[in-house]
Amino acid sequence: MSIEAAAEAIRAKVGDNSGLGATVKFDCGADGAVFIDGASSPNSVSTENKDADCTVTCSMETLEALIAGDLDPTAAFMQGKIKVGGDMGVAMRLSSVL
């Protein structure tokens, strides 16, 4: 899956009003980033690498599993598959979106 395809899949899940009330970035290193602006109305999703309230660092493979619902976000965090920087409360709200 490309970073653009990941952004499209996340955009479909986020919709116009995710309830996040904050910005989130999935940083997949050299594969790119997905930026969710859950603070704007309507919400937007892009592949821009911007500063966010919460940054989730993971591999592209892990992001794909999160999007597909094959990996629980809390389990991924506990297993060290994702690292969270910034507002942990936003990360917790993100699990309801994915």
PDB file of N, CA and C in Angstrom:
ATOM      1  N   MET A   1       0.859  -1.182   0.000  1.00  0.00           N
ATOM      2  CA  MET A   1       0.000   0.000   0.000  1.00  0.00           C
ATOM      3  C   MET A   1       0.899   1.237   0.000  1.00  0.00           C
ATOM      4  N   SER A   2       0.570   2.181  -0.845  1.00  0.00           N
ATOM      5  CA  SER A   2       1.313   3.438  -0.876  1.00  0.00           C
ATOM      6  C   SER A   2       0.803   4.362   0.228  1.00  0.00           C
ATOM      7  N   ILE A   3       1.558   5.396   0.512  1.00  0.00           N
ATOM      8  CA  ILE A   3       1.134   6.355   1.538  1.00  0.00           C
ATOM      9  C   ILE A   3      -0.133   7.079   1.072  1.00  0.00           C
ATOM     10  N   GLU A   4      -0.271   7.285  -0.239  1.00  0.00           N
ATOM     11  CA  GLU A   4      -1.475   7.922  -0.775  1.00  0.00           C
ATOM     12  C   GLU A   4      -2.702   7.033  -0.567  1.00  0.00           C
ATOM     13  N   ALA A   5      -2.539   5.725  -0.782  1.00  0.00           N
ATOM     14  CA  ALA A   5      -3.642   4.779  -0.567  1.00  0.00           C
ATOM     15  C   ALA A   5      -4.009   4.720   0.913  1.00  0.00           C
ATOM     16  N   ALA A   6      -2.998   4.793   1.778  1.00  0.00           N
ATOM     17  CA  ALA A   6      -3.256   4.807   3.226  1.00  0.00           C
ATOM     18  C   ALA A   6      -4.044   6.057   3.603  1.00  0.00           C
ATOM     19  N   ALA A   7      -3.664   7.193   3.025  1.00  0.00           N
ATOM     20  CA  ALA A   7      -4.372   8.446   3.316  1.00  0.00           C
ATOM     21  C   ALA A   7      -5.828   8.356   2.868  1.00  0.00           C
ATOM     22  N   GLU A   8      -6.077   7.770   1.705  1.00  0.00           N
ATOM     23  CA  GLU A   8      -7.453   7.617   1.207  1.00  0.00           C
ATOM     24  C   GLU A   8      -8.270   6.719   2.133  1.00  0.00           C
ATOM     25  N   ALA A   9      -7.666   5.619   2.594  1.00  0.00           N
ATOM     26  CA  ALA A   9      -8.367   4.696   3.491  1.00  0.00           C
ATOM     27  C   ALA A   9      -8.679   5.369   4.824  1.00  0.00           C
ATOM     28  N   ILE A  10      -7.729   6.156   5.327  1.00  0.00           N
ATOM     29  CA  ILE A  10      -7.955   6.873   6.586  1.00  0.00           C
ATOM     30  C   ILE A  10      -9.015   7.955   6.380  1.00  0.00           C
ATOM     31  N   ARG A  11      -8.977   8.640   5.241  1.00  0.00           N
ATOM     32  CA  ARG A  11      -9.973   9.677   4.941  1.00  0.00           C
ATOM     33  C   ARG A  11     -11.385   9.085   4.995  1.00  0.00           C
ATOM     34  N   ALA A  12     -11.554   7.883   4.470  1.00  0.00           N
ATOM     35  CA  ALA A  12     -12.866   7.226   4.482  1.00  0.00           C
ATOM     36  C   ALA A  12     -13.320   6.926   5.912  1.00  0.00           C
ATOM     37  N   LYS A  13     -12.378   6.575   6.790  1.00  0.00           N
ATOM     38  CA  LYS A  13     -12.718   6.272   8.182  1.00  0.00           C
ATOM     39  C   LYS A  13     -12.992   7.538   8.994  1.00  0.00           C
ATOM     40  N   VAL A  14     -12.231   8.591   8.717  1.00  0.00           N
ATOM     41  CA  VAL A  14     -12.343   9.840   9.479  1.00  0.00           C
ATOM     42  C   VAL A  14     -13.644  10.568   9.159  1.00  0.00           C
ATOM     43  N   GLY A  15     -14.003  10.622   7.876  1.00  0.00           N
ATOM     44  CA  GLY A  15     -15.215  11.334   7.478  1.00  0.00           C
ATOM     45  C   GLY A  15     -15.092  12.831   7.705  1.00  0.00           C
ATOM     46  N   ASP A  16     -16.229  13.504   7.833  1.00  0.00           N
ATOM     47  CA  ASP A  16     -16.235  14.956   8.009  1.00  0.00           C
ATOM     48  C   ASP A  16     -16.060  15.381   9.456  1.00  0.00           C
ATOM     49  N   ASN A  17     -16.453  14.518  10.400  1.00  0.00           N
ATOM     50  CA  ASN A  17     -16.370  14.873  11.818  1.00  0.00           C
ATOM     51  C   ASN A  17     -15.985  13.647  12.632  1.00  0.00           C
ATOM     52  N   SER A  18     -14.684  13.490  12.844  1.00  0.00           N
ATOM     53  CA  SER A  18     -14.157  12.317  13.545  1.00  0.00           C
ATOM     54  C   SER A  18     -14.319  12.401  15.053  1.00  0.00           C
ATOM     55  N   GLY A  19     -14.504  13.624  15.559  1.00  0.00           N
ATOM     56  CA  GLY A  19     -14.560  13.807  17.003  1.00  0.00           C
ATOM     57  C   GLY A  19     -13.184  13.908  17.641  1.00  0.00           C
ATOM     58  N   LEU A  20     -12.122  13.918  16.835  1.00  0.00           N
ATOM     59  CA  LEU A  20     -10.764  14.006  17.386  1.00  0.00           C
ATOM     60  C   LEU A  20     -10.508  15.361  18.038  1.00  0.00           C
ATOM     61  N   GLY A  21     -10.909  16.422  17.370  1.00  0.00           N
ATOM     62  CA  GLY A  21     -10.686  17.760  17.896  1.00  0.00           C
ATOM     63  C   GLY A  21      -9.223  18.141  17.987  1.00  0.00           C
ATOM     64  N   ALA A  22      -8.382  17.483  17.183  1.00  0.00           N
ATOM     65  CA  ALA A  22      -6.942  17.732  17.226  1.00  0.00           C
ATOM     66  C   ALA A  22      -6.322  17.254  15.915  1.00  0.00           C
ATOM     67  N   THR A  23      -5.018  17.502  15.769  1.00  0.00           N
ATOM     68  CA  THR A  23      -4.301  17.029  14.591  1.00  0.00           C
ATOM     69  C   THR A  23      -3.447  15.822  14.962  1.00  0.00           C
ATOM     70  N   VAL A  24      -3.332  14.900  14.009  1.00  0.00           N
ATOM     71  CA  VAL A  24      -2.566  13.670  14.212  1.00  0.00           C
ATOM     72  C   VAL A  24      -1.731  13.415  12.972  1.00  0.00           C
ATOM     73  N   LYS A  25      -0.503  12.956  13.184  1.00  0.00           N
ATOM     74  CA  LYS A  25       0.346  12.572  12.055  1.00  0.00           C
ATOM     75  C   LYS A  25       0.812  11.136  12.255  1.00  0.00           C
ATOM     76  N   PHE A  26       0.628  10.313  11.224  1.00  0.00           N
ATOM     77  CA  PHE A  26       1.236   8.986  11.186  1.00  0.00           C
ATOM     78  C   PHE A  26       2.534   9.147  10.422  1.00  0.00           C
ATOM     79  N   ASP A  27       3.656   8.940  11.091  1.00  0.00           N
ATOM     80  CA  ASP A  27       4.973   9.089  10.477  1.00  0.00           C
ATOM     81  C   ASP A  27       5.522   7.699  10.168  1.00  0.00           C
ATOM     82  N   CYS A  28       5.596   7.386   8.882  1.00  0.00           N
ATOM     83  CA  CYS A  28       6.088   6.073   8.452  1.00  0.00           C
ATOM     84  C   CYS A  28       7.498   6.182   7.877  1.00  0.00           C
ATOM     85  N   GLY A  29       8.272   7.129   8.368  1.00  0.00           N
ATOM     86  CA  GLY A  29       9.660   7.294   7.953  1.00  0.00           C
ATOM     87  C   GLY A  29       9.794   7.588   6.474  1.00  0.00           C
ATOM     88  N   ALA A  30      10.645   6.809   5.795  1.00  0.00           N
ATOM     89  CA  ALA A  30      10.916   7.028   4.372  1.00  0.00           C
ATOM     90  C   ALA A  30       9.689   6.791   3.495  1.00  0.00           C
ATOM     91  N   ASP A  31       8.702   6.040   4.003  1.00  0.00           N
ATOM     92  CA  ASP A  31       7.481   5.783   3.226  1.00  0.00           C
ATOM     93  C   ASP A  31       6.562   6.998   3.175  1.00  0.00           C
ATOM     94  N   GLY A  32       6.750   7.956   4.086  1.00  0.00           N
ATOM     95  CA  GLY A  32       5.947   9.173   4.083  1.00  0.00           C
ATOM     96  C   GLY A  32       5.122   9.334   5.344  1.00  0.00           C
ATOM     97  N   ALA A  33       4.179  10.254   5.287  1.00  0.00           N
ATOM     98  CA  ALA A  33       3.356  10.573   6.455  1.00  0.00           C
ATOM     99  C   ALA A  33       1.913  10.804   6.024  1.00  0.00           C
ATOM    100  N   VAL A  34       1.007  10.556   6.969  1.00  0.00           N
ATOM    101  CA  VAL A  34      -0.408  10.869   6.777  1.00  0.00           C
ATOM    102  C   VAL A  34      -0.785  11.841   7.877  1.00  0.00           C
ATOM    103  N   PHE A  35      -1.336  12.992   7.490  1.00  0.00           N
ATOM    104  CA  PHE A  35      -1.715  14.040   8.435  1.00  0.00           C
ATOM    105  C   PHE A  35      -3.234  14.130   8.498  1.00  0.00           C
ATOM    106  N   ILE A  36      -3.781  14.008   9.704  1.00  0.00           N
ATOM    107  CA  ILE A  36      -5.224  14.130   9.915  1.00  0.00           C
ATOM    108  C   ILE A  36      -5.486  15.439  10.645  1.00  0.00           C
ATOM    109  N   ASP A  37      -6.265  16.314  10.024  1.00  0.00           N
ATOM    110  CA  ASP A  37      -6.676  17.546  10.698  1.00  0.00           C
ATOM    111  C   ASP A  37      -8.089  17.324  11.218  1.00  0.00           C
ATOM    112  N   GLY A  38      -8.162  16.821  12.445  1.00  0.00           N
ATOM    113  CA  GLY A  38      -9.443  16.561  13.087  1.00  0.00           C
ATOM    114  C   GLY A  38      -9.950  17.760  13.856  1.00  0.00           C
ATOM    115  N   ALA A  39      -9.219  18.884  13.770  1.00  0.00           N
ATOM    116  CA  ALA A  39      -9.632  20.105  14.461  1.00  0.00           C
ATOM    117  C   ALA A  39     -10.450  21.005  13.539  1.00  0.00           C
ATOM    118  N   SER A  40     -10.292  20.819  12.228  1.00  0.00           N
ATOM    119  CA  SER A  40     -11.032  21.652  11.275  1.00  0.00           C
ATOM    120  C   SER A  40     -12.377  21.006  10.959  1.00  0.00           C
ATOM    121  N   SER A  41     -13.259  21.793  10.392  1.00  0.00           N
ATOM    122  CA  SER A  41     -14.561  21.265  10.002  1.00  0.00           C
ATOM    123  C   SER A  41     -14.817  21.655   8.555  1.00  0.00           C
ATOM    124  N   PRO A  42     -14.936  20.720   7.628  1.00  0.00           N
ATOM    125  CA  PRO A  42     -14.856  19.276   7.855  1.00  0.00           C
ATOM    126  C   PRO A  42     -13.413  18.828   8.070  1.00  0.00           C
ATOM    127  N   ASN A  43     -13.242  17.648   8.662  1.00  0.00           N
ATOM    128  CA  ASN A  43     -11.909  17.088   8.872  1.00  0.00           C
ATOM    129  C   ASN A  43     -11.245  16.865   7.521  1.00  0.00           C
ATOM    130  N   SER A  44      -9.914  16.893   7.513  1.00  0.00           N
ATOM    131  CA  SER A  44      -9.193  16.628   6.269  1.00  0.00           C
ATOM    132  C   SER A  44      -8.041  15.669   6.537  1.00  0.00           C
ATOM    133  N   VAL A  45      -7.656  14.950   5.500  1.00  0.00           N
ATOM    134  CA  VAL A  45      -6.547  14.001   5.573  1.00  0.00           C
ATOM    135  C   VAL A  45      -5.659  14.252   4.366  1.00  0.00           C
ATOM    136  N   SER A  46      -4.339  14.327   4.596  1.00  0.00           N
ATOM    137  CA  SER A  46      -3.409  14.565   3.499  1.00  0.00           C
ATOM    138  C   SER A  46      -2.122  13.782   3.750  1.00  0.00           C
ATOM    139  N   THR A  47      -1.219  13.864   2.789  1.00  0.00           N
ATOM    140  CA  THR A  47       0.091  13.229   2.948  1.00  0.00           C
ATOM    141  C   THR A  47       1.158  14.271   3.287  1.00  0.00           C
ATOM    142  N   GLU A  48       0.713  15.416   3.790  1.00  0.00           N
ATOM    143  CA  GLU A  48       1.652  16.467   4.185  1.00  0.00           C
ATOM    144  C   GLU A  48       2.346  16.075   5.487  1.00  0.00           C
ATOM    145  N   ASN A  49       3.613  16.423   5.590  1.00  0.00           N
ATOM    146  CA  ASN A  49       4.388  16.135   6.795  1.00  0.00           C
ATOM    147  C   ASN A  49       4.437  17.409   7.638  1.00  0.00           C
ATOM    148  N   LYS A  50       3.368  17.642   8.417  1.00  0.00           N
ATOM    149  CA  LYS A  50       3.255  18.855   9.236  1.00  0.00           C
ATOM    150  C   LYS A  50       3.344  18.496  10.711  1.00  0.00           C
ATOM    151  N   ASP A  51       3.599  19.512  11.535  1.00  0.00           N
ATOM    152  CA  ASP A  51       3.557  19.320  12.981  1.00  0.00           C
ATOM    153  C   ASP A  51       2.130  19.003  13.395  1.00  0.00           C
ATOM    154  N   ALA A  52       1.986  18.130  14.407  1.00  0.00           N
ATOM    155  CA  ALA A  52       0.660  17.714  14.857  1.00  0.00           C
ATOM    156  C   ALA A  52       0.618  17.670  16.380  1.00  0.00           C
ATOM    157  N   ASP A  53      -0.606  17.674  16.921  1.00  0.00           N
ATOM    158  CA  ASP A  53      -0.778  17.555  18.373  1.00  0.00           C
ATOM    159  C   ASP A  53      -0.282  16.203  18.868  1.00  0.00           C
ATOM    160  N   CYS A  54      -0.401  15.185  18.028  1.00  0.00           N
ATOM    161  CA  CYS A  54       0.004  13.829  18.368  1.00  0.00           C
ATOM    162  C   CYS A  54       0.661  13.205  17.138  1.00  0.00           C
ATOM    163  N   THR A  55       1.844  12.634  17.309  1.00  0.00           N
ATOM    164  CA  THR A  55       2.533  11.959  16.214  1.00  0.00           C
ATOM    165  C   THR A  55       2.671  10.484  16.549  1.00  0.00           C
ATOM    166  N   VAL A  56       2.186   9.646  15.647  1.00  0.00           N
ATOM    167  CA  VAL A  56       2.296   8.196  15.795  1.00  0.00           C
ATOM    168  C   VAL A  56       3.349   7.726  14.796  1.00  0.00           C
ATOM    169  N   THR A  57       4.433   7.163  15.309  1.00  0.00           N
ATOM    170  CA  THR A  57       5.509   6.676  14.460  1.00  0.00           C
ATOM    171  C   THR A  57       5.381   5.162  14.340  1.00  0.00           C
ATOM    172  N   CYS A  58       5.347   4.689  13.093  1.00  0.00           N
ATOM    173  CA  CYS A  58       5.205   3.250  12.864  1.00  0.00           C
ATOM    174  C   CYS A  58       5.684   2.909  11.460  1.00  0.00           C
ATOM    175  N   SER A  59       5.788   1.613  11.190  1.00  0.00           N
ATOM    176  CA  SER A  59       6.137   1.169   9.843  1.00  0.00           C
ATOM    177  C   SER A  59       4.894   1.233   8.959  1.00  0.00           C
ATOM    178  N   MET A  60       5.103   1.204   7.665  1.00  0.00           N
ATOM    179  CA  MET A  60       3.982   1.194   6.722  1.00  0.00           C
ATOM    180  C   MET A  60       3.154  -0.072   6.930  1.00  0.00           C
ATOM    181  N   GLU A  61       3.821  -1.181   7.203  1.00  0.00           N
ATOM    182  CA  GLU A  61       3.131  -2.456   7.440  1.00  0.00           C
ATOM    183  C   GLU A  61       2.200  -2.354   8.651  1.00  0.00           C
ATOM    184  N   THR A  62       2.672  -1.715   9.712  1.00  0.00           N
ATOM    185  CA  THR A  62       1.847  -1.542  10.910  1.00  0.00           C
ATOM    186  C   THR A  62       0.664  -0.625  10.620  1.00  0.00           C
ATOM    187  N   LEU A  63       0.897   0.458   9.878  1.00  0.00           N
ATOM    188  CA  LEU A  63      -0.197   1.367   9.529  1.00  0.00           C
ATOM    189  C   LEU A  63      -1.262   0.635   8.716  1.00  0.00           C
ATOM    190  N   GLU A  64      -0.840  -0.193   7.771  1.00  0.00           N
ATOM    191  CA  GLU A  64      -1.790  -0.974   6.974  1.00  0.00           C
ATOM    192  C   GLU A  64      -2.639  -1.874   7.870  1.00  0.00           C
ATOM    193  N   ALA A  65      -2.009  -2.531   8.843  1.00  0.00           N
ATOM    194  CA  ALA A  65      -2.728  -3.429   9.751  1.00  0.00           C
ATOM    195  C   ALA A  65      -3.708  -2.654  10.626  1.00  0.00           C
ATOM    196  N   LEU A  66      -3.321  -1.456  11.063  1.00  0.00           N
ATOM    197  CA  LEU A  66      -4.219  -0.612  11.858  1.00  0.00           C
ATOM    198  C   LEU A  66      -5.437  -0.202  11.029  1.00  0.00           C
ATOM    199  N   ILE A  67      -5.205   0.218   9.794  1.00  0.00           N
ATOM    200  CA  ILE A  67      -6.292   0.653   8.914  1.00  0.00           C
ATOM    201  C   ILE A  67      -7.252  -0.503   8.632  1.00  0.00           C
ATOM    202  N   ALA A  68      -6.695  -1.690   8.393  1.00  0.00           N
ATOM    203  CA  ALA A  68      -7.512  -2.863   8.055  1.00  0.00           C
ATOM    204  C   ALA A  68      -8.266  -3.410   9.261  1.00  0.00           C
ATOM    205  N   GLY A  69      -7.872  -2.972  10.462  1.00  0.00           N
ATOM    206  CA  GLY A  69      -8.510  -3.492  11.670  1.00  0.00           C
ATOM    207  C   GLY A  69      -7.907  -4.806  12.128  1.00  0.00           C
ATOM    208  N   ASP A  70      -6.771  -5.185  11.531  1.00  0.00           N
ATOM    209  CA  ASP A  70      -6.101  -6.429  11.900  1.00  0.00           C
ATOM    210  C   ASP A  70      -5.222  -6.273  13.130  1.00  0.00           C
ATOM    211  N   LEU A  71      -4.972  -5.037  13.546  1.00  0.00           N
ATOM    212  CA  LEU A  71      -4.117  -4.758  14.696  1.00  0.00           C
ATOM    213  C   LEU A  71      -4.793  -3.722  15.578  1.00  0.00           C
ATOM    214  N   ASP A  72      -4.972  -4.056  16.840  1.00  0.00           N
ATOM    215  CA  ASP A  72      -5.567  -3.136  17.807  1.00  0.00           C
ATOM    216  C   ASP A  72      -4.542  -2.054  18.153  1.00  0.00           C
ATOM    217  N   PRO A  73      -4.925  -0.771  18.108  1.00  0.00           N
ATOM    218  CA  PRO A  73      -3.971   0.304  18.403  1.00  0.00           C
ATOM    219  C   PRO A  73      -3.329   0.188  19.785  1.00  0.00           C
ATOM    220  N   THR A  74      -4.094  -0.196  20.792  1.00  0.00           N
ATOM    221  CA  THR A  74      -3.535  -0.335  22.142  1.00  0.00           C
ATOM    222  C   THR A  74      -2.525  -1.474  22.181  1.00  0.00           C
ATOM    223  N   ALA A  75      -2.855  -2.584  21.554  1.00  0.00           N
ATOM    224  CA  ALA A  75      -1.933  -3.723  21.500  1.00  0.00           C
ATOM    225  C   ALA A  75      -0.661  -3.339  20.750  1.00  0.00           C
ATOM    226  N   ALA A  76      -0.804  -2.597  19.661  1.00  0.00           N
ATOM    227  CA  ALA A  76       0.357  -2.162  18.884  1.00  0.00           C
ATOM    228  C   ALA A  76       1.281  -1.301  19.736  1.00  0.00           C
ATOM    229  N   PHE A  77       0.699  -0.430  20.546  1.00  0.00           N
ATOM    230  CA  PHE A  77       1.494   0.424  21.433  1.00  0.00           C
ATOM    231  C   PHE A  77       2.221  -0.422  22.475  1.00  0.00           C
ATOM    232  N   MET A  78       1.492  -1.353  23.085  1.00  0.00           N
ATOM    233  CA  MET A  78       2.076  -2.195  24.132  1.00  0.00           C
ATOM    234  C   MET A  78       3.183  -3.099  23.580  1.00  0.00           C
ATOM    235  N   GLN A  79       3.059  -3.506  22.320  1.00  0.00           N
ATOM    236  CA  GLN A  79       4.055  -4.371  21.682  1.00  0.00           C
ATOM    237  C   GLN A  79       5.230  -3.580  21.104  1.00  0.00           C
ATOM    238  N   GLY A  80       5.166  -2.255  21.191  1.00  0.00           N
ATOM    239  CA  GLY A  80       6.240  -1.425  20.669  1.00  0.00           C
ATOM    240  C   GLY A  80       6.206  -1.248  19.162  1.00  0.00           C
ATOM    241  N   LYS A  81       5.093  -1.599  18.522  1.00  0.00           N
ATOM    242  CA  LYS A  81       4.984  -1.448  17.075  1.00  0.00           C
ATOM    243  C   LYS A  81       4.698  -0.007  16.676  1.00  0.00           C
ATOM    244  N   ILE A  82       4.156   0.780  17.617  1.00  0.00           N
ATOM    245  CA  ILE A  82       3.957   2.206  17.382  1.00  0.00           C
ATOM    246  C   ILE A  82       4.532   2.978  18.559  1.00  0.00           C
ATOM    247  N   LYS A  83       5.000   4.172  18.261  1.00  0.00           N
ATOM    248  CA  LYS A  83       5.464   5.094  19.301  1.00  0.00           C
ATOM    249  C   LYS A  83       4.604   6.340  19.189  1.00  0.00           C
ATOM    250  N   VAL A  84       4.224   6.882  20.337  1.00  0.00           N
ATOM    251  CA  VAL A  84       3.352   8.050  20.354  1.00  0.00           C
ATOM    252  C   VAL A  84       4.100   9.228  20.953  1.00  0.00           C
ATOM    253  N   GLY A  85       4.104  10.339  20.226  1.00  0.00           N
ATOM    254  CA  GLY A  85       4.693  11.569  20.715  1.00  0.00           C
ATOM    255  C   GLY A  85       3.613  12.631  20.813  1.00  0.00           C
ATOM    256  N   GLY A  86       3.717  13.480  21.813  1.00  0.00           N
ATOM    257  CA  GLY A  86       2.721  14.541  21.962  1.00  0.00           C
ATOM    258  C   GLY A  86       1.590  14.124  22.875  1.00  0.00           C
ATOM    259  N   ASP A  87       0.388  14.538  22.534  1.00  0.00           N
ATOM    260  CA  ASP A  87      -0.793  14.365  23.380  1.00  0.00           C
ATOM    261  C   ASP A  87      -1.309  12.926  23.348  1.00  0.00           C
ATOM    262  N   MET A  88      -1.093  12.197  24.441  1.00  0.00           N
ATOM    263  CA  MET A  88      -1.527  10.803  24.531  1.00  0.00           C
ATOM    264  C   MET A  88      -3.056  10.696  24.511  1.00  0.00           C
ATOM    265  N   GLY A  89      -3.760  11.707  25.007  1.00  0.00           N
ATOM    266  CA  GLY A  89      -5.219  11.709  24.985  1.00  0.00           C
ATOM    267  C   GLY A  89      -5.758  11.664  23.564  1.00  0.00           C
ATOM    268  N   VAL A  90      -5.090  12.364  22.657  1.00  0.00           N
ATOM    269  CA  VAL A  90      -5.488  12.349  21.249  1.00  0.00           C
ATOM    270  C   VAL A  90      -5.271  10.946  20.681  1.00  0.00           C
ATOM    271  N   ALA A  91      -4.160  10.325  21.047  1.00  0.00           N
ATOM    272  CA  ALA A  91      -3.882   8.964  20.574  1.00  0.00           C
ATOM    273  C   ALA A  91      -4.966   7.997  21.035  1.00  0.00           C
ATOM    274  N   MET A  92      -5.447   8.164  22.252  1.00  0.00           N
ATOM    275  CA  MET A  92      -6.499   7.290  22.770  1.00  0.00           C
ATOM    276  C   MET A  92      -7.805   7.495  21.989  1.00  0.00           C
ATOM    277  N   ARG A  93      -8.113   8.743  21.642  1.00  0.00           N
ATOM    278  CA  ARG A  93      -9.325   9.018  20.853  1.00  0.00           C
ATOM    279  C   ARG A  93      -9.201   8.469  19.432  1.00  0.00           C
ATOM    280  N   LEU A  94      -7.978   8.402  18.944  1.00  0.00           N
ATOM    281  CA  LEU A  94      -7.732   7.920  17.590  1.00  0.00           C
ATOM    282  C   LEU A  94      -8.170   6.468  17.419  1.00  0.00           C
ATOM    283  N   SER A  95      -8.079   5.681  18.476  1.00  0.00           N
ATOM    284  CA  SER A  95      -8.449   4.266  18.360  1.00  0.00           C
ATOM    285  C   SER A  95      -9.921   4.092  17.992  1.00  0.00           C
ATOM    286  N   SER A  96     -10.774   5.037  18.380  1.00  0.00           N
ATOM    287  CA  SER A  96     -12.193   4.931  18.014  1.00  0.00           C
ATOM    288  C   SER A  96     -12.419   5.255  16.538  1.00  0.00           C
ATOM    289  N   VAL A  97     -11.495   5.987  15.934  1.00  0.00           N
ATOM    290  CA  VAL A  97     -11.606   6.336  14.518  1.00  0.00           C
ATOM    291  C   VAL A  97     -11.136   5.175  13.643  1.00  0.00           C
ATOM    292  N   LEU A  98     -10.052   4.534  14.071  1.00  0.00           N
ATOM    293  CA  LEU A  98      -9.505   3.431  13.283  1.00  0.00           C
ATOM    294  C   LEU A  98     -10.256   2.162  13.577  1.00  0.00           C
TER     295      LEU A  98
END
